[in-house]
Amino acid sequence: MAFGNPYAAYQTTAVKTASQGKLVVLLYQGAVRELSAAQKCFDTNGKIPALEIEAFGKHVMKAQEIINELQVSLDMDKGGQIAQNLMSLYVFFNKELMDINIKQDKAKLQQILTMIKDLCTAWEAASQNTAADSVPQAQRTLNITG
């Protein structure tokens, strides 16, 4: 029996066993990764060389797909005002990313990347707090007695 890429297998297992909060964090991290890669396509003059245009477009489009996934995962019934605010933000991100892809606007890309990084940090903290709260206090401490 041949084993495939062990990193891919690890990622698949991590996603399948992740909590909802962790999945949201993974999506945000993916968006940050793609937008950071898009940012690296710019040369020192703030332009995208012809050979990098396709890669730039792919990275921005992947980030848009991730934002779309975040958008469809919102529970508008249970999420209330927070879900509505996130939906508005995701619509804004997608409009801006479309504009960034067309105009190849480095400054706007940096602004959106910063906003998504900030959201990622907030979701990481929320996910950790939620995970810690779901573990009973008695299980949060190390038990060395066995």
C-alpha atoms as a PDB file:
ATOM      1  CA  MET A   1       0.000   0.000   0.000  1.00  0.00           C
ATOM      2  CA  ALA A   2       1.515   3.296  -1.116  1.00  0.00           C
ATOM      3  CA  PHE A   3       1.134   6.404   0.990  1.00  0.00           C
ATOM      4  CA  GLY A   4       0.486   9.740  -0.692  1.00  0.00           C
ATOM      5  CA  ASN A   5       1.791  13.055   0.447  1.00  0.00           C
ATOM      6  CA  PRO A   6       1.968  12.850   4.266  1.00  0.00           C
ATOM      7  CA  TYR A   7       1.529  16.633   4.610  1.00  0.00           C
ATOM      8  CA  ALA A   8      -1.682  16.487   2.561  1.00  0.00           C
ATOM      9  CA  ALA A   9      -2.918  13.591   4.703  1.00  0.00           C
ATOM     10  CA  TYR A  10      -2.157  15.598   7.854  1.00  0.00           C
ATOM     11  CA  GLN A  11      -4.013  18.630   6.487  1.00  0.00           C
ATOM     12  CA  THR A  12      -7.022  16.532   5.534  1.00  0.00           C
ATOM     13  CA  THR A  13      -7.164  14.983   8.997  1.00  0.00           C
ATOM     14  CA  ALA A  14      -6.735  18.385  10.660  1.00  0.00           C
ATOM     15  CA  VAL A  15      -9.654  19.813   8.696  1.00  0.00           C
ATOM     16  CA  LYS A  16     -11.918  16.805   9.268  1.00  0.00           C
ATOM     17  CA  THR A  17     -11.365  16.868  13.018  1.00  0.00           C
ATOM     18  CA  ALA A  18     -11.370  20.647  13.535  1.00  0.00           C
ATOM     19  CA  SER A  19     -14.041  22.500  15.452  1.00  0.00           C
ATOM     20  CA  GLN A  20     -16.182  25.073  13.648  1.00  0.00           C
ATOM     21  CA  GLY A  21     -14.126  27.894  15.114  1.00  0.00           C
ATOM     22  CA  LYS A  22     -10.900  26.276  13.996  1.00  0.00           C
ATOM     23  CA  LEU A  23     -12.309  25.801  10.472  1.00  0.00           C
ATOM     24  CA  VAL A  24     -13.081  29.518  10.279  1.00  0.00           C
ATOM     25  CA  VAL A  25      -9.528  30.268  11.441  1.00  0.00           C
ATOM     26  CA  LEU A  26      -8.138  27.908   8.783  1.00  0.00           C
ATOM     27  CA  LEU A  27     -10.151  29.718   6.119  1.00  0.00           C
ATOM     28  CA  TYR A  28      -8.882  33.110   7.271  1.00  0.00           C
ATOM     29  CA  GLN A  29      -5.324  31.779   7.340  1.00  0.00           C
ATOM     30  CA  GLY A  30      -5.784  30.534   3.785  1.00  0.00           C
ATOM     31  CA  ALA A  31      -7.001  33.965   2.664  1.00  0.00           C
ATOM     32  CA  VAL A  32      -4.020  35.618   4.355  1.00  0.00           C
ATOM     33  CA  ARG A  33      -1.654  33.135   2.697  1.00  0.00           C
ATOM     34  CA  GLU A  34      -3.146  33.749  -0.771  1.00  0.00           C
ATOM     35  CA  LEU A  35      -3.189  37.533  -0.447  1.00  0.00           C
ATOM     36  CA  SER A  36       0.374  37.526   0.886  1.00  0.00           C
ATOM     37  CA  ALA A  37       1.417  35.462  -2.140  1.00  0.00           C
ATOM     38  CA  ALA A  38      -0.406  37.926  -4.419  1.00  0.00           C
ATOM     39  CA  GLN A  39       1.439  40.776  -2.747  1.00  0.00           C
ATOM     40  CA  LYS A  40       4.778  39.106  -3.557  1.00  0.00           C
ATOM     41  CA  CYS A  41       3.933  39.269  -7.266  1.00  0.00           C
ATOM     42  CA  PHE A  42       4.601  43.017  -7.276  1.00  0.00           C
ATOM     43  CA  ASP A  43       8.082  44.176  -8.215  1.00  0.00           C
ATOM     44  CA  THR A  44      10.009  46.915  -6.425  1.00  0.00           C
ATOM     45  CA  ASN A  45       8.262  49.561  -8.570  1.00  0.00           C
ATOM     46  CA  GLY A  46       4.826  48.434  -7.396  1.00  0.00           C
ATOM     47  CA  LYS A  47       3.986  46.843 -10.747  1.00  0.00           C
ATOM     48  CA  ILE A  48       3.306  43.238 -11.624  1.00  0.00           C
ATOM     49  CA  PRO A  49       5.685  41.847 -14.253  1.00  0.00           C
ATOM     50  CA  ALA A  50       3.989  40.168 -17.217  1.00  0.00           C
ATOM     51  CA  LEU A  51       5.175  36.741 -16.090  1.00  0.00           C
ATOM     52  CA  GLU A  52       3.515  37.200 -12.676  1.00  0.00           C
ATOM     53  CA  ILE A  53       0.096  38.448 -13.805  1.00  0.00           C
ATOM     54  CA  GLU A  54      -1.440  34.978 -14.033  1.00  0.00           C
ATOM     55  CA  ALA A  55      -0.103  33.956 -10.612  1.00  0.00           C
ATOM     56  CA  PHE A  56      -1.378  37.220  -9.119  1.00  0.00           C
ATOM     57  CA  GLY A  57      -4.842  36.604 -10.526  1.00  0.00           C
ATOM     58  CA  LYS A  58      -4.915  33.033  -9.240  1.00  0.00           C
ATOM     59  CA  HIS A  59      -3.953  34.089  -5.720  1.00  0.00           C
ATOM     60  CA  VAL A  60      -6.577  36.827  -5.603  1.00  0.00           C
ATOM     61  CA  MET A  61      -9.241  34.481  -6.996  1.00  0.00           C
ATOM     62  CA  LYS A  62      -8.384  31.813  -4.403  1.00  0.00           C
ATOM     63  CA  ALA A  63      -8.762  34.428  -1.680  1.00  0.00           C
ATOM     64  CA  GLN A  64     -12.172  35.335  -3.152  1.00  0.00           C
ATOM     65  CA  GLU A  65     -13.188  31.674  -3.101  1.00  0.00           C
ATOM     66  CA  ILE A  66     -12.215  31.488   0.562  1.00  0.00           C
ATOM     67  CA  ILE A  67     -14.228  34.622   1.342  1.00  0.00           C
ATOM     68  CA  ASN A  68     -17.167  33.058  -0.523  1.00  0.00           C
ATOM     69  CA  GLU A  69     -16.844  29.952   1.655  1.00  0.00           C
ATOM     70  CA  LEU A  70     -16.877  32.115   4.782  1.00  0.00           C
ATOM     71  CA  GLN A  71     -19.927  33.896   3.400  1.00  0.00           C
ATOM     72  CA  VAL A  72     -21.972  30.750   2.746  1.00  0.00           C
ATOM     73  CA  SER A  73     -21.034  29.341   6.143  1.00  0.00           C
ATOM     74  CA  LEU A  74     -22.762  32.187   7.983  1.00  0.00           C
ATOM     75  CA  ASP A  75     -25.891  31.197   9.876  1.00  0.00           C
ATOM     76  CA  MET A  76     -27.994  34.293   9.384  1.00  0.00           C
ATOM     77  CA  ASP A  77     -30.786  32.990  11.646  1.00  0.00           C
ATOM     78  CA  LYS A  78     -28.629  32.248  14.677  1.00  0.00           C
ATOM     79  CA  GLY A  79     -25.875  34.783  14.016  1.00  0.00           C
ATOM     80  CA  GLY A  80     -28.026  37.887  14.311  1.00  0.00           C
ATOM     81  CA  GLN A  81     -26.286  41.232  13.977  1.00  0.00           C
ATOM     82  CA  ILE A  82     -22.808  39.695  13.965  1.00  0.00           C
ATOM     83  CA  ALA A  83     -23.660  37.482  10.989  1.00  0.00           C
ATOM     84  CA  GLN A  84     -25.172  40.468   9.165  1.00  0.00           C
ATOM     85  CA  ASN A  85     -22.044  42.532   9.800  1.00  0.00           C
ATOM     86  CA  LEU A  86     -19.788  39.707   8.645  1.00  0.00           C
ATOM     87  CA  MET A  87     -21.897  39.255   5.501  1.00  0.00           C
ATOM     88  CA  SER A  88     -21.504  42.954   4.695  1.00  0.00           C
ATOM     89  CA  LEU A  89     -17.774  42.691   5.303  1.00  0.00           C
ATOM     90  CA  TYR A  90     -17.426  39.622   3.070  1.00  0.00           C
ATOM     91  CA  VAL A  91     -19.370  41.333   0.271  1.00  0.00           C
ATOM     92  CA  PHE A  92     -17.055  44.338   0.662  1.00  0.00           C
ATOM     93  CA  PHE A  93     -13.956  42.095   0.567  1.00  0.00           C
ATOM     94  CA  ASN A  94     -15.108  40.391  -2.617  1.00  0.00           C
ATOM     95  CA  LYS A  95     -15.853  43.702  -4.350  1.00  0.00           C
ATOM     96  CA  GLU A  96     -12.468  45.056  -3.338  1.00  0.00           C
ATOM     97  CA  LEU A  97     -10.663  41.870  -4.379  1.00  0.00           C
ATOM     98  CA  MET A  98     -12.333  42.002  -7.784  1.00  0.00           C
ATOM     99  CA  ASP A  99     -11.189  45.596  -8.162  1.00  0.00           C
ATOM    100  CA  ILE A 100      -7.677  44.684  -6.960  1.00  0.00           C
ATOM    101  CA  ASN A 101      -7.472  41.887  -9.501  1.00  0.00           C
ATOM    102  CA  ILE A 102      -8.527  44.181 -12.346  1.00  0.00           C
ATOM    103  CA  LYS A 103      -6.525  47.277 -11.406  1.00  0.00           C
ATOM    104  CA  GLN A 104      -3.608  45.462  -9.741  1.00  0.00           C
ATOM    105  CA  ASP A 105      -3.753  47.925  -6.867  1.00  0.00           C
ATOM    106  CA  LYS A 106      -0.987  47.157  -4.385  1.00  0.00           C
ATOM    107  CA  ALA A 107      -2.109  49.697  -1.765  1.00  0.00           C
ATOM    108  CA  LYS A 108      -5.691  48.415  -1.725  1.00  0.00           C
ATOM    109  CA  LEU A 109      -4.414  44.831  -1.527  1.00  0.00           C
ATOM    110  CA  GLN A 110      -2.397  45.787   1.563  1.00  0.00           C
ATOM    111  CA  GLN A 111      -5.465  47.351   3.193  1.00  0.00           C
ATOM    112  CA  ILE A 112      -7.611  44.273   2.613  1.00  0.00           C
ATOM    113  CA  LEU A 113      -4.814  41.959   3.735  1.00  0.00           C
ATOM    114  CA  THR A 114      -4.437  43.937   6.967  1.00  0.00           C
ATOM    115  CA  MET A 115      -8.183  43.763   7.638  1.00  0.00           C
ATOM    116  CA  ILE A 116      -8.292  40.009   7.026  1.00  0.00           C
ATOM    117  CA  LYS A 117      -5.231  39.478   9.242  1.00  0.00           C
ATOM    118  CA  ASP A 118      -6.972  41.406  12.029  1.00  0.00           C
ATOM    119  CA  LEU A 119     -10.101  39.270  11.644  1.00  0.00           C
ATOM    120  CA  CYS A 120      -7.977  36.124  11.626  1.00  0.00           C
ATOM    121  CA  THR A 121      -6.340  37.159  14.894  1.00  0.00           C
ATOM    122  CA  ALA A 122      -9.745  37.851  16.447  1.00  0.00           C
ATOM    123  CA  TRP A 123     -11.123  34.476  15.307  1.00  0.00           C
ATOM    124  CA  GLU A 124      -8.014  32.699  16.626  1.00  0.00           C
ATOM    125  CA  ALA A 125      -8.570  34.255  20.054  1.00  0.00           C
ATOM    126  CA  ALA A 126     -12.297  33.481  19.987  1.00  0.00           C
ATOM    127  CA  SER A 127     -11.662  29.920  18.874  1.00  0.00           C
ATOM    128  CA  GLN A 128      -9.127  29.368  21.657  1.00  0.00           C
ATOM    129  CA  ASN A 129     -11.446  30.852  24.277  1.00  0.00           C
ATOM    130  CA  THR A 130     -14.345  28.723  23.087  1.00  0.00           C
ATOM    131  CA  ALA A 131     -12.207  25.585  23.075  1.00  0.00           C
ATOM    132  CA  ALA A 132     -10.917  26.343  26.579  1.00  0.00           C
ATOM    133  CA  ASP A 133     -14.438  27.010  27.844  1.00  0.00           C
ATOM    134  CA  SER A 134     -15.711  23.693  26.510  1.00  0.00           C
ATOM    135  CA  VAL A 135     -13.173  21.733  28.566  1.00  0.00           C
ATOM    136  CA  PRO A 136     -14.243  21.254  32.188  1.00  0.00           C
ATOM    137  CA  GLN A 137     -12.008  23.027  34.713  1.00  0.00           C
ATOM    138  CA  ALA A 138     -10.934  19.701  36.208  1.00  0.00           C
ATOM    139  CA  GLN A 139      -9.532  18.610  32.824  1.00  0.00           C
ATOM    140  CA  ARG A 140      -7.652  21.866  32.138  1.00  0.00           C
ATOM    141  CA  THR A 141      -4.911  21.037  34.615  1.00  0.00           C
ATOM    142  CA  LEU A 142      -2.201  18.462  34.147  1.00  0.00           C
ATOM    143  CA  ASN A 143      -2.779  15.322  36.156  1.00  0.00           C
ATOM    144  CA  ILE A 144       0.558  13.632  36.785  1.00  0.00           C
ATOM    145  CA  THR A 145      -0.837  10.999  39.136  1.00  0.00           C
ATOM    146  CA  GLY A 146      -2.212   8.918  36.255  1.00  0.00           C
END
